[in-house]
Amino acid sequence: MTIIAEVEAYKSALRACYASYNAVPVTFEVGRLTGRGGHAHVQVVPIELKDTVAQSFRAAGQAKDIDWEAEPERALAKIGAGGNYFKVECPDGTKLVHLLKGNFDLQFGR
């Protein structure tokens, strides 16, 4: 099993668990990748207010001068294994991606 498949299996199990509590997951991921390897981490948080997640991340990002990519998947594919990114997966299927440039507050997703 690839690491991506394993992460997706965990996210699926968490979706089922959260559903039993009338909650849905918000997933955010920070990746800092270099030619020598890198570091990425995924965090999954249960919430009940699922309809406002994307809007809330956009507003919070604007307040911190975070620019969201117009085409998230294309942006991630374009940077490949050498880029740094912050990605949010919202309960409604919306994906938000910010390509990291310089310092980034790792607490932002929380």
PDB file of N, CA and C in Angstrom:
ATOM      1  N   MET A   1       0.847  -1.183   0.000  1.00  0.00           N
ATOM      2  CA  MET A   1       0.000   0.000   0.000  1.00  0.00           C
ATOM      3  C   MET A   1       0.890   1.244   0.000  1.00  0.00           C
ATOM      4  N   THR A   2       0.586   2.184  -0.888  1.00  0.00           N
ATOM      5  CA  THR A   2       1.365   3.418  -0.926  1.00  0.00           C
ATOM      6  C   THR A   2       0.999   4.307   0.247  1.00  0.00           C
ATOM      7  N   ILE A   3       1.855   5.260   0.544  1.00  0.00           N
ATOM      8  CA  ILE A   3       1.578   6.161   1.664  1.00  0.00           C
ATOM      9  C   ILE A   3       0.313   6.971   1.413  1.00  0.00           C
ATOM     10  N   ILE A   4       0.071   7.352   0.178  1.00  0.00           N
ATOM     11  CA  ILE A   4      -1.139   8.122  -0.138  1.00  0.00           C
ATOM     12  C   ILE A   4      -2.381   7.278   0.114  1.00  0.00           C
ATOM     13  N   ALA A   5      -2.344   6.017  -0.311  1.00  0.00           N
ATOM     14  CA  ALA A   5      -3.485   5.123  -0.077  1.00  0.00           C
ATOM     15  C   ALA A   5      -3.701   4.902   1.422  1.00  0.00           C
ATOM     16  N   GLU A   6      -2.613   4.791   2.160  1.00  0.00           N
ATOM     17  CA  GLU A   6      -2.734   4.580   3.605  1.00  0.00           C
ATOM     18  C   GLU A   6      -3.349   5.809   4.287  1.00  0.00           C
ATOM     19  N   VAL A   7      -2.904   7.002   3.904  1.00  0.00           N
ATOM     20  CA  VAL A   7      -3.469   8.230   4.476  1.00  0.00           C
ATOM     21  C   VAL A   7      -4.948   8.340   4.125  1.00  0.00           C
ATOM     22  N   GLU A   8      -5.304   8.025   2.888  1.00  0.00           N
ATOM     23  CA  GLU A   8      -6.713   8.091   2.474  1.00  0.00           C
ATOM     24  C   GLU A   8      -7.562   7.089   3.250  1.00  0.00           C
ATOM     25  N   ALA A   9      -7.007   5.911   3.541  1.00  0.00           N
ATOM     26  CA  ALA A   9      -7.744   4.914   4.325  1.00  0.00           C
ATOM     27  C   ALA A   9      -7.999   5.429   5.744  1.00  0.00           C
ATOM     28  N   TYR A  10      -7.010   6.076   6.341  1.00  0.00           N
ATOM     29  CA  TYR A  10      -7.199   6.661   7.678  1.00  0.00           C
ATOM     30  C   TYR A  10      -8.249   7.766   7.642  1.00  0.00           C
ATOM     31  N   LYS A  11      -8.180   8.634   6.619  1.00  0.00           N
ATOM     32  CA  LYS A  11      -9.160   9.720   6.515  1.00  0.00           C
ATOM     33  C   LYS A  11     -10.567   9.162   6.347  1.00  0.00           C
ATOM     34  N   SER A  12     -10.708   8.096   5.600  1.00  0.00           N
ATOM     35  CA  SER A  12     -12.005   7.461   5.414  1.00  0.00           C
ATOM     36  C   SER A  12     -12.529   6.904   6.743  1.00  0.00           C
ATOM     37  N   ALA A  13     -11.652   6.268   7.505  1.00  0.00           N
ATOM     38  CA  ALA A  13     -12.056   5.731   8.810  1.00  0.00           C
ATOM     39  C   ALA A  13     -12.451   6.863   9.761  1.00  0.00           C
ATOM     40  N   LEU A  14     -11.740   7.977   9.714  1.00  0.00           N
ATOM     41  CA  LEU A  14     -12.088   9.107  10.567  1.00  0.00           C
ATOM     42  C   LEU A  14     -13.422   9.723  10.154  1.00  0.00           C
ATOM     43  N   ARG A  15     -13.696   9.780   8.843  1.00  0.00           N
ATOM     44  CA  ARG A  15     -15.003  10.276   8.379  1.00  0.00           C
ATOM     45  C   ARG A  15     -16.129   9.446   8.981  1.00  0.00           C
ATOM     46  N   ALA A  16     -15.977   8.125   8.958  1.00  0.00           N
ATOM     47  CA  ALA A  16     -17.001   7.234   9.507  1.00  0.00           C
ATOM     48  C   ALA A  16     -17.139   7.431  11.019  1.00  0.00           C
ATOM     49  N   CYS A  17     -16.023   7.551  11.698  1.00  0.00           N
ATOM     50  CA  CYS A  17     -16.049   7.775  13.151  1.00  0.00           C
ATOM     51  C   CYS A  17     -16.739   9.096  13.479  1.00  0.00           C
ATOM     52  N   TYR A  18     -16.349  10.162  12.813  1.00  0.00           N
ATOM     53  CA  TYR A  18     -16.922  11.484  13.094  1.00  0.00           C
ATOM     54  C   TYR A  18     -18.415  11.512  12.781  1.00  0.00           C
ATOM     55  N   ALA A  19     -18.824  10.800  11.728  1.00  0.00           N
ATOM     56  CA  ALA A  19     -20.244  10.775  11.352  1.00  0.00           C
ATOM     57  C   ALA A  19     -21.103  10.238  12.494  1.00  0.00           C
ATOM     58  N   SER A  20     -20.562   9.307  13.251  1.00  0.00           N
ATOM     59  CA  SER A  20     -21.331   8.759  14.369  1.00  0.00           C
ATOM     60  C   SER A  20     -21.559   9.797  15.474  1.00  0.00           C
ATOM     61  N   TYR A  21     -20.823  10.903  15.409  1.00  0.00           N
ATOM     62  CA  TYR A  21     -20.982  12.010  16.356  1.00  0.00           C
ATOM     63  C   TYR A  21     -21.581  13.245  15.678  1.00  0.00           C
ATOM     64  N   ASN A  22     -22.164  13.049  14.495  1.00  0.00           N
ATOM     65  CA  ASN A  22     -22.734  14.154  13.711  1.00  0.00           C
ATOM     66  C   ASN A  22     -21.710  15.246  13.396  1.00  0.00           C
ATOM     67  N   ALA A  23     -20.505  14.829  13.116  1.00  0.00           N
ATOM     68  CA  ALA A  23     -19.438  15.757  12.753  1.00  0.00           C
ATOM     69  C   ALA A  23     -18.812  15.303  11.439  1.00  0.00           C
ATOM     70  N   VAL A  24     -18.045  16.187  10.831  1.00  0.00           N
ATOM     71  CA  VAL A  24     -17.334  15.893   9.590  1.00  0.00           C
ATOM     72  C   VAL A  24     -15.882  16.347   9.742  1.00  0.00           C
ATOM     73  N   PRO A  25     -14.968  15.760   8.973  1.00  0.00           N
ATOM     74  CA  PRO A  25     -13.566  16.144   9.111  1.00  0.00           C
ATOM     75  C   PRO A  25     -13.183  17.327   8.221  1.00  0.00           C
ATOM     76  N   VAL A  26     -12.282  18.121   8.747  1.00  0.00           N
ATOM     77  CA  VAL A  26     -11.548  19.111   7.960  1.00  0.00           C
ATOM     78  C   VAL A  26     -10.105  18.633   8.018  1.00  0.00           C
ATOM     79  N   THR A  27      -9.496  18.498   6.856  1.00  0.00           N
ATOM     80  CA  THR A  27      -8.129  18.003   6.782  1.00  0.00           C
ATOM     81  C   THR A  27      -7.228  19.118   6.299  1.00  0.00           C
ATOM     82  N   PHE A  28      -6.135  19.319   7.005  1.00  0.00           N
ATOM     83  CA  PHE A  28      -5.149  20.262   6.480  1.00  0.00           C
ATOM     84  C   PHE A  28      -3.769  19.638   6.554  1.00  0.00           C
ATOM     85  N   GLU A  29      -2.964  20.035   5.593  1.00  0.00           N
ATOM     86  CA  GLU A  29      -1.674  19.387   5.367  1.00  0.00           C
ATOM     87  C   GLU A  29      -0.632  20.454   5.080  1.00  0.00           C
ATOM     88  N   VAL A  30       0.527  20.292   5.679  1.00  0.00           N
ATOM     89  CA  VAL A  30       1.662  21.163   5.395  1.00  0.00           C
ATOM     90  C   VAL A  30       2.766  20.271   4.845  1.00  0.00           C
ATOM     91  N   GLY A  31       3.294  20.650   3.706  1.00  0.00           N
ATOM     92  CA  GLY A  31       4.394  19.907   3.109  1.00  0.00           C
ATOM     93  C   GLY A  31       5.571  20.819   2.867  1.00  0.00           C
ATOM     94  N   ARG A  32       6.695  20.425   3.360  1.00  0.00           N
ATOM     95  CA  ARG A  32       7.947  21.136   3.106  1.00  0.00           C
ATOM     96  C   ARG A  32       8.880  20.095   2.505  1.00  0.00           C
ATOM     97  N   LEU A  33       9.061  20.214   1.213  1.00  0.00           N
ATOM     98  CA  LEU A  33       9.799  19.194   0.484  1.00  0.00           C
ATOM     99  C   LEU A  33      11.056  19.788  -0.129  1.00  0.00           C
ATOM    100  N   THR A  34      12.132  19.019  -0.085  1.00  0.00           N
ATOM    101  CA  THR A  34      13.401  19.458  -0.642  1.00  0.00           C
ATOM    102  C   THR A  34      14.006  18.329  -1.445  1.00  0.00           C
ATOM    103  N   GLY A  35      15.124  18.598  -2.079  1.00  0.00           N
ATOM    104  CA  GLY A  35      15.825  17.578  -2.838  1.00  0.00           C
ATOM    105  C   GLY A  35      16.333  16.441  -1.973  1.00  0.00           C
ATOM    106  N   ARG A  36      16.528  16.690  -0.676  1.00  0.00           N
ATOM    107  CA  ARG A  36      17.023  15.659   0.250  1.00  0.00           C
ATOM    108  C   ARG A  36      15.893  14.888   0.905  1.00  0.00           C
ATOM    109  N   GLY A  37      14.688  15.144   0.529  1.00  0.00           N
ATOM    110  CA  GLY A  37      13.544  14.519   1.183  1.00  0.00           C
ATOM    111  C   GLY A  37      12.605  15.621   1.617  1.00  0.00           C
ATOM    112  N   GLY A  38      12.054  15.485   2.782  1.00  0.00           N
ATOM    113  CA  GLY A  38      11.178  16.541   3.242  1.00  0.00           C
ATOM    114  C   GLY A  38      10.359  16.097   4.429  1.00  0.00           C
ATOM    115  N   HIS A  39       9.398  16.917   4.722  1.00  0.00           N
ATOM    116  CA  HIS A  39       8.534  16.662   5.867  1.00  0.00           C
ATOM    117  C   HIS A  39       7.132  17.108   5.498  1.00  0.00           C
ATOM    118  N   ALA A  40       6.176  16.268   5.753  1.00  0.00           N
ATOM    119  CA  ALA A  40       4.775  16.635   5.530  1.00  0.00           C
ATOM    120  C   ALA A  40       3.967  16.065   6.680  1.00  0.00           C
ATOM    121  N   HIS A  41       2.936  16.775   7.064  1.00  0.00           N
ATOM    122  CA  HIS A  41       2.048  16.224   8.069  1.00  0.00           C
ATOM    123  C   HIS A  41       0.610  16.586   7.742  1.00  0.00           C
ATOM    124  N   VAL A  42      -0.267  15.664   8.109  1.00  0.00           N
ATOM    125  CA  VAL A  42      -1.697  15.812   7.848  1.00  0.00           C
ATOM    126  C   VAL A  42      -2.398  15.834   9.205  1.00  0.00           C
ATOM    127  N   GLN A  43      -3.296  16.795   9.367  1.00  0.00           N
ATOM    128  CA  GLN A  43      -4.087  16.867  10.586  1.00  0.00           C
ATOM    129  C   GLN A  43      -5.554  16.824  10.203  1.00  0.00           C
ATOM    130  N   VAL A  44      -6.339  16.105  10.989  1.00  0.00           N
ATOM    131  CA  VAL A  44      -7.761  15.956  10.723  1.00  0.00           C
ATOM    132  C   VAL A  44      -8.512  16.381  11.980  1.00  0.00           C
ATOM    133  N   VAL A  45      -9.446  17.313  11.796  1.00  0.00           N
ATOM    134  CA  VAL A  45     -10.176  17.887  12.924  1.00  0.00           C
ATOM    135  C   VAL A  45     -11.675  17.714  12.685  1.00  0.00           C
ATOM    136  N   PRO A  46     -12.414  17.194  13.667  1.00  0.00           N
ATOM    137  CA  PRO A  46     -13.864  17.071  13.498  1.00  0.00           C
ATOM    138  C   PRO A  46     -14.554  18.409  13.777  1.00  0.00           C
ATOM    139  N   ILE A  47     -15.552  18.718  12.967  1.00  0.00           N
ATOM    140  CA  ILE A  47     -16.339  19.937  13.183  1.00  0.00           C
ATOM    141  C   ILE A  47     -17.808  19.645  12.921  1.00  0.00           C
ATOM    142  N   GLU A  48     -18.657  20.554  13.369  1.00  0.00           N
ATOM    143  CA  GLU A  48     -20.087  20.443  13.099  1.00  0.00           C
ATOM    144  C   GLU A  48     -20.565  21.496  12.105  1.00  0.00           C
ATOM    145  N   LEU A  49     -19.896  22.627  12.023  1.00  0.00           N
ATOM    146  CA  LEU A  49     -20.309  23.733  11.149  1.00  0.00           C
ATOM    147  C   LEU A  49     -19.687  23.588   9.763  1.00  0.00           C
ATOM    148  N   LYS A  50     -20.059  22.553   9.056  1.00  0.00           N
ATOM    149  CA  LYS A  50     -19.391  22.191   7.808  1.00  0.00           C
ATOM    150  C   LYS A  50     -19.607  23.167   6.669  1.00  0.00           C
ATOM    151  N   ASP A  51     -20.674  23.933   6.682  1.00  0.00           N
ATOM    152  CA  ASP A  51     -20.981  24.799   5.546  1.00  0.00           C
ATOM    153  C   ASP A  51     -20.140  26.068   5.487  1.00  0.00           C
ATOM    154  N   THR A  52     -19.377  26.362   6.523  1.00  0.00           N
ATOM    155  CA  THR A  52     -18.624  27.613   6.556  1.00  0.00           C
ATOM    156  C   THR A  52     -17.112  27.414   6.532  1.00  0.00           C
ATOM    157  N   VAL A  53     -16.651  26.200   6.364  1.00  0.00           N
ATOM    158  CA  VAL A  53     -15.217  25.911   6.464  1.00  0.00           C
ATOM    159  C   VAL A  53     -14.410  26.637   5.395  1.00  0.00           C
ATOM    160  N   ALA A  54     -14.747  26.468   4.127  1.00  0.00           N
ATOM    161  CA  ALA A  54     -13.978  27.097   3.049  1.00  0.00           C
ATOM    162  C   ALA A  54     -13.992  28.612   3.208  1.00  0.00           C
ATOM    163  N   GLN A  55     -15.155  29.167   3.471  1.00  0.00           N
ATOM    164  CA  GLN A  55     -15.282  30.614   3.648  1.00  0.00           C
ATOM    165  C   GLN A  55     -14.418  31.090   4.821  1.00  0.00           C
ATOM    166  N   SER A  56     -14.407  30.345   5.897  1.00  0.00           N
ATOM    167  CA  SER A  56     -13.614  30.718   7.070  1.00  0.00           C
ATOM    168  C   SER A  56     -12.123  30.686   6.773  1.00  0.00           C
ATOM    169  N   PHE A  57     -11.652  29.654   6.060  1.00  0.00           N
ATOM    170  CA  PHE A  57     -10.234  29.580   5.702  1.00  0.00           C
ATOM    171  C   PHE A  57      -9.854  30.708   4.745  1.00  0.00           C
ATOM    172  N   ARG A  58     -10.737  31.011   3.801  1.00  0.00           N
ATOM    173  CA  ARG A  58     -10.440  32.107   2.875  1.00  0.00           C
ATOM    174  C   ARG A  58     -10.307  33.435   3.621  1.00  0.00           C
ATOM    175  N   ALA A  59     -11.251  33.707   4.523  1.00  0.00           N
ATOM    176  CA  ALA A  59     -11.226  34.961   5.284  1.00  0.00           C
ATOM    177  C   ALA A  59      -9.994  35.038   6.194  1.00  0.00           C
ATOM    178  N   ALA A  60      -9.693  33.945   6.891  1.00  0.00           N
ATOM    179  CA  ALA A  60      -8.521  33.922   7.772  1.00  0.00           C
ATOM    180  C   ALA A  60      -7.242  34.073   6.961  1.00  0.00           C
ATOM    181  N   GLY A  61      -7.220  33.447   5.790  1.00  0.00           N
ATOM    182  CA  GLY A  61      -6.057  33.578   4.913  1.00  0.00           C
ATOM    183  C   GLY A  61      -5.870  34.998   4.428  1.00  0.00           C
ATOM    184  N   GLN A  62      -6.944  35.641   4.068  1.00  0.00           N
ATOM    185  CA  GLN A  62      -6.867  37.025   3.603  1.00  0.00           C
ATOM    186  C   GLN A  62      -6.305  37.919   4.706  1.00  0.00           C
ATOM    187  N   ALA A  63      -6.718  37.684   5.931  1.00  0.00           N
ATOM    188  CA  ALA A  63      -6.231  38.485   7.058  1.00  0.00           C
ATOM    189  C   ALA A  63      -4.729  38.303   7.284  1.00  0.00           C
ATOM    190  N   LYS A  64      -4.173  37.170   6.822  1.00  0.00           N
ATOM    191  CA  LYS A  64      -2.746  36.887   7.003  1.00  0.00           C
ATOM    192  C   LYS A  64      -1.974  36.955   5.682  1.00  0.00           C
ATOM    193  N   ASP A  65      -2.569  37.566   4.675  1.00  0.00           N
ATOM    194  CA  ASP A  65      -1.943  37.691   3.349  1.00  0.00           C
ATOM    195  C   ASP A  65      -1.592  36.350   2.727  1.00  0.00           C
ATOM    196  N   ILE A  66      -2.453  35.369   2.935  1.00  0.00           N
ATOM    197  CA  ILE A  66      -2.285  34.054   2.307  1.00  0.00           C
ATOM    198  C   ILE A  66      -3.095  34.061   1.017  1.00  0.00           C
ATOM    199  N   ASP A  67      -2.421  33.764  -0.072  1.00  0.00           N
ATOM    200  CA  ASP A  67      -3.107  33.722  -1.363  1.00  0.00           C
ATOM    201  C   ASP A  67      -3.399  32.267  -1.722  1.00  0.00           C
ATOM    202  N   TRP A  68      -4.663  32.004  -2.053  1.00  0.00           N
ATOM    203  CA  TRP A  68      -5.098  30.649  -2.410  1.00  0.00           C
ATOM    204  C   TRP A  68      -4.996  30.478  -3.915  1.00  0.00           C
ATOM    205  N   GLU A  69      -4.508  29.345  -4.333  1.00  0.00           N
ATOM    206  CA  GLU A  69      -4.360  29.044  -5.759  1.00  0.00           C
ATOM    207  C   GLU A  69      -5.733  28.862  -6.405  1.00  0.00           C
ATOM    208  N   ALA A  70      -5.888  29.407  -7.611  1.00  0.00           N
ATOM    209  CA  ALA A  70      -7.157  29.296  -8.334  1.00  0.00           C
ATOM    210  C   ALA A  70      -7.435  27.851  -8.738  1.00  0.00           C
ATOM    211  N   GLU A  71      -6.383  27.106  -9.058  1.00  0.00           N
ATOM    212  CA  GLU A  71      -6.507  25.697  -9.448  1.00  0.00           C
ATOM    213  C   GLU A  71      -5.618  24.860  -8.523  1.00  0.00           C
ATOM    214  N   PRO A  72      -6.164  24.453  -7.376  1.00  0.00           N
ATOM    215  CA  PRO A  72      -5.352  23.782  -6.349  1.00  0.00           C
ATOM    216  C   PRO A  72      -4.595  22.539  -6.829  1.00  0.00           C
ATOM    217  N   GLU A  73      -5.271  21.636  -7.511  1.00  0.00           N
ATOM    218  CA  GLU A  73      -4.615  20.394  -7.946  1.00  0.00           C
ATOM    219  C   GLU A  73      -3.509  20.675  -8.956  1.00  0.00           C
ATOM    220  N   ARG A  74      -3.760  21.592  -9.851  1.00  0.00           N
ATOM    221  CA  ARG A  74      -2.748  21.951 -10.854  1.00  0.00           C
ATOM    222  C   ARG A  74      -1.532  22.589 -10.178  1.00  0.00           C
ATOM    223  N   ALA A  75      -1.775  23.427  -9.175  1.00  0.00           N
ATOM    224  CA  ALA A  75      -0.674  24.070  -8.462  1.00  0.00           C
ATOM    225  C   ALA A  75       0.197  23.032  -7.763  1.00  0.00           C
ATOM    226  N   LEU A  76      -0.428  22.038  -7.121  1.00  0.00           N
ATOM    227  CA  LEU A  76       0.336  20.986  -6.450  1.00  0.00           C
ATOM    228  C   LEU A  76       1.121  20.149  -7.449  1.00  0.00           C
ATOM    229  N   ALA A  77       0.510  19.838  -8.572  1.00  0.00           N
ATOM    230  CA  ALA A  77       1.199  19.052  -9.597  1.00  0.00           C
ATOM    231  C   ALA A  77       2.381  19.834 -10.170  1.00  0.00           C
ATOM    232  N   LYS A  78       2.202  21.120 -10.308  1.00  0.00           N
ATOM    233  CA  LYS A  78       3.242  21.968 -10.897  1.00  0.00           C
ATOM    234  C   LYS A  78       4.482  22.051 -10.008  1.00  0.00           C
ATOM    235  N   ILE A  79       4.294  22.127  -8.689  1.00  0.00           N
ATOM    236  CA  ILE A  79       5.461  22.241  -7.815  1.00  0.00           C
ATOM    237  C   ILE A  79       6.157  20.904  -7.628  1.00  0.00           C
ATOM    238  N   GLY A  80       5.423  19.810  -7.792  1.00  0.00           N
ATOM    239  CA  GLY A  80       6.016  18.477  -7.704  1.00  0.00           C
ATOM    240  C   GLY A  80       6.676  18.212  -6.370  1.00  0.00           C
ATOM    241  N   ALA A  81       7.762  17.461  -6.373  1.00  0.00           N
ATOM    242  CA  ALA A  81       8.421  17.018  -5.147  1.00  0.00           C
ATOM    243  C   ALA A  81       9.336  18.074  -4.550  1.00  0.00           C
ATOM    244  N   GLY A  82       9.458  19.226  -5.166  1.00  0.00           N
ATOM    245  CA  GLY A  82      10.379  20.226  -4.641  1.00  0.00           C
ATOM    246  C   GLY A  82       9.714  21.449  -4.069  1.00  0.00           C
ATOM    247  N   GLY A  83       8.408  21.401  -3.867  1.00  0.00           N
ATOM    248  CA  GLY A  83       7.712  22.597  -3.410  1.00  0.00           C
ATOM    249  C   GLY A  83       7.183  22.490  -1.998  1.00  0.00           C
ATOM    250  N   ASN A  84       6.815  23.634  -1.468  1.00  0.00           N
ATOM    251  CA  ASN A  84       6.252  23.713  -0.124  1.00  0.00           C
ATOM    252  C   ASN A  84       4.817  24.211  -0.239  1.00  0.00           C
ATOM    253  N   TYR A  85       3.924  23.614   0.544  1.00  0.00           N
ATOM    254  CA  TYR A  85       2.512  23.951   0.378  1.00  0.00           C
ATOM    255  C   TYR A  85       1.743  23.777   1.685  1.00  0.00           C
ATOM    256  N   PHE A  86       0.568  24.404   1.712  1.00  0.00           N
ATOM    257  CA  PHE A  86      -0.426  24.206   2.759  1.00  0.00           C
ATOM    258  C   PHE A  86      -1.718  23.887   2.024  1.00  0.00           C
ATOM    259  N   LYS A  87      -2.374  22.787   2.381  1.00  0.00           N
ATOM    260  CA  LYS A  87      -3.592  22.366   1.693  1.00  0.00           C
ATOM    261  C   LYS A  87      -4.693  22.091   2.706  1.00  0.00           C
ATOM    262  N   VAL A  88      -5.911  22.538   2.365  1.00  0.00           N
ATOM    263  CA  VAL A  88      -7.092  22.278   3.185  1.00  0.00           C
ATOM    264  C   VAL A  88      -8.082  21.481   2.353  1.00  0.00           C
ATOM    265  N   GLU A  89      -8.650  20.424   2.929  1.00  0.00           N
ATOM    266  CA  GLU A  89      -9.737  19.682   2.298  1.00  0.00           C
ATOM    267  C   GLU A  89     -10.977  19.919   3.146  1.00  0.00           C
ATOM    268  N   CYS A  90     -11.942  20.617   2.566  1.00  0.00           N
ATOM    269  CA  CYS A  90     -13.165  20.983   3.279  1.00  0.00           C
ATOM    270  C   CYS A  90     -14.217  19.879   3.149  1.00  0.00           C
ATOM    271  N   PRO A  91     -15.164  19.822   4.076  1.00  0.00           N
ATOM    272  CA  PRO A  91     -16.198  18.787   4.045  1.00  0.00           C
ATOM    273  C   PRO A  91     -17.029  18.784   2.758  1.00  0.00           C
ATOM    274  N   ASP A  92     -17.167  19.942   2.112  1.00  0.00           N
ATOM    275  CA  ASP A  92     -17.961  20.009   0.886  1.00  0.00           C
ATOM    276  C   ASP A  92     -17.169  19.614  -0.358  1.00  0.00           C
ATOM    277  N   GLY A  93     -15.918  19.183  -0.171  1.00  0.00           N
ATOM    278  CA  GLY A  93     -15.085  18.769  -1.291  1.00  0.00           C
ATOM    279  C   GLY A  93     -14.159  19.855  -1.813  1.00  0.00           C
ATOM    280  N   THR A  94     -14.341  21.081  -1.346  1.00  0.00           N
ATOM    281  CA  THR A  94     -13.473  22.182  -1.752  1.00  0.00           C
ATOM    282  C   THR A  94     -12.060  21.931  -1.255  1.00  0.00           C
ATOM    283  N   LYS A  95     -11.082  22.197  -2.121  1.00  0.00           N
ATOM    284  CA  LYS A  95      -9.681  22.113  -1.728  1.00  0.00           C
ATOM    285  C   LYS A  95      -9.077  23.502  -1.884  1.00  0.00           C
ATOM    286  N   LEU A  96      -8.354  23.921  -0.870  1.00  0.00           N
ATOM    287  CA  LEU A  96      -7.657  25.199  -0.895  1.00  0.00           C
ATOM    288  C   LEU A  96      -6.170  24.918  -0.789  1.00  0.00           C
ATOM    289  N   VAL A  97      -5.381  25.563  -1.628  1.00  0.00           N
ATOM    290  CA  VAL A  97      -3.934  25.356  -1.618  1.00  0.00           C
ATOM    291  C   VAL A  97      -3.238  26.704  -1.608  1.00  0.00           C
ATOM    292  N   HIS A  98      -2.254  26.804  -0.736  1.00  0.00           N
ATOM    293  CA  HIS A  98      -1.373  27.974  -0.678  1.00  0.00           C
ATOM    294  C   HIS A  98       0.047  27.468  -0.859  1.00  0.00           C
ATOM    295  N   LEU A  99       0.749  28.013  -1.836  1.00  0.00           N
ATOM    296  CA  LEU A  99       2.147  27.640  -2.046  1.00  0.00           C
ATOM    297  C   LEU A  99       2.989  28.494  -1.107  1.00  0.00           C
ATOM    298  N   LEU A 100       3.749  27.834  -0.264  1.00  0.00           N
ATOM    299  CA  LEU A 100       4.502  28.540   0.770  1.00  0.00           C
ATOM    300  C   LEU A 100       5.682  29.285   0.178  1.00  0.00           C
ATOM    301  N   LYS A 101       5.823  30.513   0.650  1.00  0.00           N
ATOM    302  CA  LYS A 101       6.946  31.367   0.259  1.00  0.00           C
ATOM    303  C   LYS A 101       7.468  31.994   1.536  1.00  0.00           C
ATOM    304  N   GLY A 102       8.588  31.549   2.009  1.00  0.00           N
ATOM    305  CA  GLY A 102       9.121  32.096   3.254  1.00  0.00           C
ATOM    306  C   GLY A 102       8.473  31.479   4.472  1.00  0.00           C
ATOM    307  N   ASN A 103       8.324  32.279   5.522  1.00  0.00           N
ATOM    308  CA  ASN A 103       7.769  31.786   6.783  1.00  0.00           C
ATOM    309  C   ASN A 103       6.271  31.537   6.662  1.00  0.00           C
ATOM    310  N   PHE A 104       5.811  30.518   7.395  1.00  0.00           N
ATOM    311  CA  PHE A 104       4.391  30.195   7.438  1.00  0.00           C
ATOM    312  C   PHE A 104       4.050  29.757   8.853  1.00  0.00           C
ATOM    313  N   ASP A 105       2.995  30.306   9.414  1.00  0.00           N
ATOM    314  CA  ASP A 105       2.556  29.972  10.761  1.00  0.00           C
ATOM    315  C   ASP A 105       1.928  28.575  10.759  1.00  0.00           C
ATOM    316  N   LEU A 106       2.625  27.614  11.339  1.00  0.00           N
ATOM    317  CA  LEU A 106       2.136  26.245  11.351  1.00  0.00           C
ATOM    318  C   LEU A 106       0.873  26.069  12.181  1.00  0.00           C
ATOM    319  N   GLN A 107       0.511  27.055  12.960  1.00  0.00           N
ATOM    320  CA  GLN A 107      -0.727  27.011  13.742  1.00  0.00           C
ATOM    321  C   GLN A 107      -1.926  27.479  12.937  1.00  0.00           C
ATOM    322  N   PHE A 108      -1.700  27.980  11.738  1.00  0.00           N
ATOM    323  CA  PHE A 108      -2.786  28.571  10.944  1.00  0.00           C
ATOM    324  C   PHE A 108      -3.979  27.630  10.771  1.00  0.00           C
ATOM    325  N   GLY A 109      -3.763  26.398  10.440  1.00  0.00           N
ATOM    326  CA  GLY A 109      -4.865  25.468  10.221  1.00  0.00           C
ATOM    327  C   GLY A 109      -5.711  25.219  11.455  1.00  0.00           C
ATOM    328  N   ARG A 110      -5.099  25.290  12.580  1.00  0.00           N
ATOM    329  CA  ARG A 110      -5.823  25.035  13.827  1.00  0.00           C
ATOM    330  C   ARG A 110      -6.698  26.201  14.170  1.00  0.00           C
TER     331      ARG A 110
END
